[in-house]
Protein backbone atom coordinates (compact mmCIF):
# COMPACT_ATOMS: atom_id res chain seq x y z
CA MET A 1 -6.93 0.24 -24.77
CA SER A 2 -4.05 0.81 -22.35
CA TYR A 3 -4.53 -2.62 -20.81
CA GLU A 4 -4.19 -4.18 -24.40
CA LEU A 5 -1.02 -2.19 -25.03
CA ILE A 6 0.49 -3.40 -21.78
CA ARG A 7 -0.37 -6.97 -22.61
CA PHE A 8 1.18 -6.59 -26.03
CA ALA A 9 4.36 -5.10 -24.57
CA ALA A 10 4.63 -7.89 -22.05
CA LYS A 11 4.24 -10.44 -24.90
CA TYR A 12 6.75 -9.01 -27.29
CA ARG A 13 9.62 -7.79 -25.04
CA LYS A 14 12.27 -7.63 -27.86
CA GLY A 15 13.46 -5.07 -30.34
CA LEU A 16 11.59 -1.86 -30.75
CA MET A 17 8.86 -2.79 -28.20
CA ALA A 18 11.49 -3.31 -25.35
CA THR A 19 13.00 0.07 -26.51
CA LEU A 20 9.64 1.88 -26.13
CA THR A 21 8.65 0.42 -22.89
CA THR A 22 11.75 0.20 -20.81
CA PRO A 23 11.76 3.80 -19.86
CA GLY A 24 8.27 3.78 -18.65
CA LEU A 25 8.83 0.65 -16.57
CA TRP A 26 12.08 2.13 -15.14
CA LEU A 27 10.11 5.37 -14.20
CA GLN A 28 7.34 3.24 -12.66
CA ARG A 29 9.80 1.27 -10.46
CA VAL A 30 11.56 4.61 -9.29
CA THR A 31 8.27 6.43 -8.50
CA THR A 32 6.26 3.70 -6.72
CA LYS A 33 6.62 2.20 -3.26
CA PRO A 34 5.46 -1.26 -2.06
CA PRO A 35 2.25 -1.13 -0.07
CA GLN A 36 2.69 -0.75 3.63
CA THR A 37 0.78 -3.10 6.02
CA ILE A 38 -1.28 -1.49 8.63
CA ARG A 39 -0.99 -3.10 11.88
CA PRO A 40 -3.62 -2.81 14.71
CA PRO A 41 -2.22 -1.20 17.95
CA SER A 42 -0.62 -3.65 20.47
CA ARG A 43 -2.73 -4.73 23.49
CA PHE A 44 -0.50 -2.83 25.76
CA ALA A 45 -1.17 0.41 23.80
CA ALA A 46 -4.84 -0.18 23.77
CA ARG A 47 -5.03 -0.84 27.51
CA ARG A 48 -2.96 2.26 28.23
CA ARG A 49 -5.38 4.37 26.05
CA ILE A 50 -8.37 2.92 27.87
CA GLU A 51 -6.83 3.72 31.25
CA LEU A 52 -6.03 7.35 30.20
CA GLU A 53 -9.52 7.87 28.97
CA LYS A 54 -11.13 6.43 32.03
CA ALA A 55 -8.77 8.67 34.16
CA GLN A 56 -10.22 11.61 32.24
CA GLY A 57 -13.73 10.41 32.88
CA GLY A 58 -14.63 9.15 29.51
CA GLU A 59 -14.97 5.87 27.82
CA LEU A 60 -12.82 4.73 24.83
CA VAL A 61 -14.28 2.55 22.20
CA ILE A 62 -11.88 0.75 19.87
CA ALA A 63 -13.20 -0.93 16.66
CA TYR A 64 -11.18 -3.20 14.46
CA ARG A 65 -11.98 -4.06 10.90
CA ALA A 66 -12.09 -7.75 10.23
């Protein structure tokens, strides 16, 4: 039902509907952030981690999501 209300509000952005939806849209804009991209660690940082782990006698396994 909420989806249909949003569609209706987007279709009729004049008069009463604009008055009713504007505060909600403003609040949404103020309270949300754009998504942040997650970057994999640099090759230098990964090599450094491997060196540190080997120096401590262990083995570091790095897995990346495709």
